[in-house]
Structures are given as structure tokens and as C-alpha cells.
Protein backbone atom coordinates (compact mmCIF):
# COMPACT_ATOMS: atom_id res chain seq x y z
CA MET A 1 0.31 -0.21 0.28
CA THR A 2 1.89 3.06 -0.92
CA ALA A 3 1.04 6.62 1.05
CA VAL A 4 -0.46 9.47 -0.39
CA GLN A 5 -0.21 12.66 0.11
CA LEU A 6 -1.91 16.05 -1.30
CA THR A 7 -0.75 19.63 -1.27
CA LYS A 8 -3.27 22.14 -2.53
CA THR A 9 -1.49 24.74 -5.32
CA LYS A 10 -4.26 26.60 -6.23
CA MET A 11 -7.88 27.33 -7.11
CA GLN A 12 -8.64 29.46 -9.90
CA GLN A 13 -12.00 30.25 -12.19
CA GLY A 14 -14.18 28.13 -10.16
CA VAL A 15 -11.19 25.07 -10.49
CA TRP A 16 -9.50 23.58 -7.37
CA GLN A 17 -5.50 21.86 -8.37
CA GLY A 18 -3.26 20.05 -5.52
CA ILE A 19 -0.29 17.74 -6.15
CA ILE A 20 -0.22 14.17 -5.34
CA THR A 21 2.93 12.22 -3.78
CA GLN A 22 3.54 8.62 -3.79
CA ASN A 23 5.56 6.22 -3.31
CA GLY A 24 4.14 4.30 -6.12
CA THR A 25 4.08 4.81 -9.74
CA ASP A 26 0.02 3.57 -10.03
CA THR A 27 -2.02 5.99 -11.25
CA PRO A 28 -4.42 7.13 -7.36
CA GLN A 29 -7.71 6.19 -7.02
CA ILE A 30 -9.36 9.55 -5.84
CA ASP A 31 -12.56 10.26 -5.23
CA VAL A 32 -13.41 13.83 -4.39
CA SER A 33 -17.24 13.97 -3.53
CA HIS A 34 -19.74 17.01 -1.86
CA GLN A 35 -22.65 16.55 0.48
CA LYS A 36 -21.96 12.03 0.10
CA ASN A 37 -22.11 12.78 -4.41
CA SER A 38 -19.07 12.26 -5.89
CA ILE A 39 -18.14 14.94 -8.49
CA ALA A 40 -17.93 14.82 -12.01
CA ASP A 41 -15.02 15.42 -14.09
CA VAL A 42 -12.18 15.57 -11.97
CA SER A 43 -9.05 14.56 -13.13
CA ILE A 44 -5.50 13.34 -12.26
CA THR A 45 -2.54 13.68 -14.66
CA HIS A 46 0.82 12.88 -14.35
CA ASP A 47 3.77 15.32 -14.45
CA SER A 48 6.84 13.14 -15.39
CA ALA A 49 9.31 16.22 -14.93
CA ALA A 50 8.70 16.40 -11.27
CA ASN A 51 7.38 13.15 -10.19
CA HIS A 52 4.13 13.45 -9.01
CA TRP A 53 -0.01 13.72 -10.16
CA VAL A 54 -1.57 16.89 -10.55
CA LEU A 55 -5.55 16.71 -9.11
CA SER A 56 -7.96 18.81 -10.60
CA VAL A 57 -11.49 19.62 -9.32
CA PRO A 58 -14.14 22.03 -10.73
CA ILE A 59 -16.16 22.77 -8.00
CA PRO A 60 -19.87 22.27 -8.52
CA LYS A 61 -22.05 25.02 -8.21
CA GLU A 62 -24.23 22.73 -6.31
CA ALA A 63 -21.34 23.85 -3.67
CA ILE A 64 -21.64 27.37 -4.24
CA ALA A 65 -24.40 28.04 -0.92
CA ASP A 66 -24.52 30.59 2.07
CA GLY A 67 -22.51 28.73 4.06
CA VAL A 68 -19.69 26.31 4.75
CA GLN A 69 -19.14 23.82 2.31
CA THR A 70 -17.19 21.34 2.50
CA LEU A 71 -15.87 18.56 -0.70
CA ILE A 72 -13.91 15.56 1.04
CA ILE A 73 -10.75 14.00 -0.91
CA ARG A 74 -10.37 9.86 -0.71
CA ASP A 75 -7.77 8.07 -1.91
CA THR A 76 -10.41 5.26 -2.79
CA ALA A 77 -7.63 2.09 -2.45
CA ALA A 78 -6.07 3.10 1.51
CA ASP A 79 -9.95 3.80 2.00
CA VAL A 80 -9.27 7.44 3.95
CA ASP A 81 -9.75 11.13 4.05
CA ILE A 82 -6.56 13.30 1.89
CA GLY A 83 -7.85 15.95 2.15
CA HIS A 84 -10.55 18.70 2.09
CA ILE A 85 -11.30 22.23 -0.38
CA THR A 86 -13.27 24.09 2.16
CA LEU A 87 -15.85 27.05 0.49
CA LEU A 88 -17.69 30.12 2.53
CA ALA A 89 -19.89 32.44 1.22
CA GLY A 90 -22.71 34.68 2.21
CA GLU A 91 -24.24 36.89 4.43
CA VAL A 92 -24.83 34.74 6.69
CA LEU A 93 -21.64 34.14 6.61
CA GLY A 94 -19.81 36.90 7.84
CA ASP A 95 -22.64 37.47 11.13
CA ASP A 96 -22.62 34.53 12.38
CA ILE A 97 -17.88 35.32 12.18
CA ARG A 98 -18.60 38.28 14.05
CA ALA A 99 -20.62 37.39 16.01
CA GLU A 100 -17.67 33.88 17.39
CA ILE A 101 -14.84 37.29 16.95
CA ASP A 102 -17.47 39.46 19.56
CA LEU A 103 -17.69 35.93 22.00
CA LEU A 104 -13.21 35.09 21.41
CA ARG A 105 -13.18 39.18 22.69
CA ALA A 106 -15.07 38.49 25.84
CA GLU A 107 -13.30 36.02 26.69
CA LEU A 108 -9.59 36.86 26.64
CA ASP A 109 -11.00 40.10 27.88
CA MET A 110 -12.23 37.43 31.00
CA LEU A 111 -8.74 35.77 31.15
CA LYS A 112 -6.69 38.24 30.71
CA ARG A 113 -8.48 40.28 34.07
CA ALA A 114 -8.38 37.59 35.89
CA PHE A 115 -4.32 36.64 34.99
CA ARG A 116 -4.05 40.55 36.32
CA ARG A 117 -6.25 39.54 39.44
CA HIS A 118 -4.29 37.20 40.36
CA CYS A 119 -0.51 38.29 39.52
CA LEU A 120 -1.68 40.47 42.02
CA GLU A 121 -2.30 38.44 44.17
CA THR A 122 0.10 36.03 44.23
CA MET A 123 3.26 39.41 44.82
């Protein structure tokens, strides 16, 4: 069994690309899915000069929606996840992130006050 590693290179014009390296010479067996549905038109091409494989994943229009969408990249030969593509979009997301940041700031302020109080009490 070969160890497959995936490294993201870029996402441009709706196509995500990554580099797959592995110990063997066989074509990697890769499946990309969104909400448990396989993505069509995923391509894997060998770059013999660099001795790696180039994975190209066209982002399906179903995956472009408000909130967080995740595409899972799996090595089907080893039956393991080797990566993922996360898409973030929409107004709903902006509100969620702002609320989370506000909560984190409040918690950080509380910890700072408690730490300062602890330092004063132990001196």
C-alpha cells in the first residue's frame, strides 16, 4: 500500500488544483465528494518532470451556497481521507464570524482580568 499525500496549489476560475505525491507509480485512485455525492470531471494527470500527479477538481455549482461547504478528497485505494476543500460564502457567514469573534474577545478580556488579578494576589 502506498502513502498518498495531497498539497493544495491553487484555485482559479472555479477549479481547485493540488499535487499528489506517493511512493508507488500507479495512478492514484481518488474520489472527491460533496454531501456524499461524487464530483464529476475530476482529473488526475502525471507530471513526469516533477514526478508527481496533478489533481484538478471543478467546483460544482451545487457547492456554491451560503455558509460553509466542504468537498472531501479520498484515496479510495487506502480508504482514507487525504484532504478537503472548504468554501465559505454569503451574508449568513459574515454574521456568524463576527459573532464568534465578539465571543472570543469577551472571553479573552475575562481571562486577562483573571490573570492580572491572580498576579496581584500572588505577589
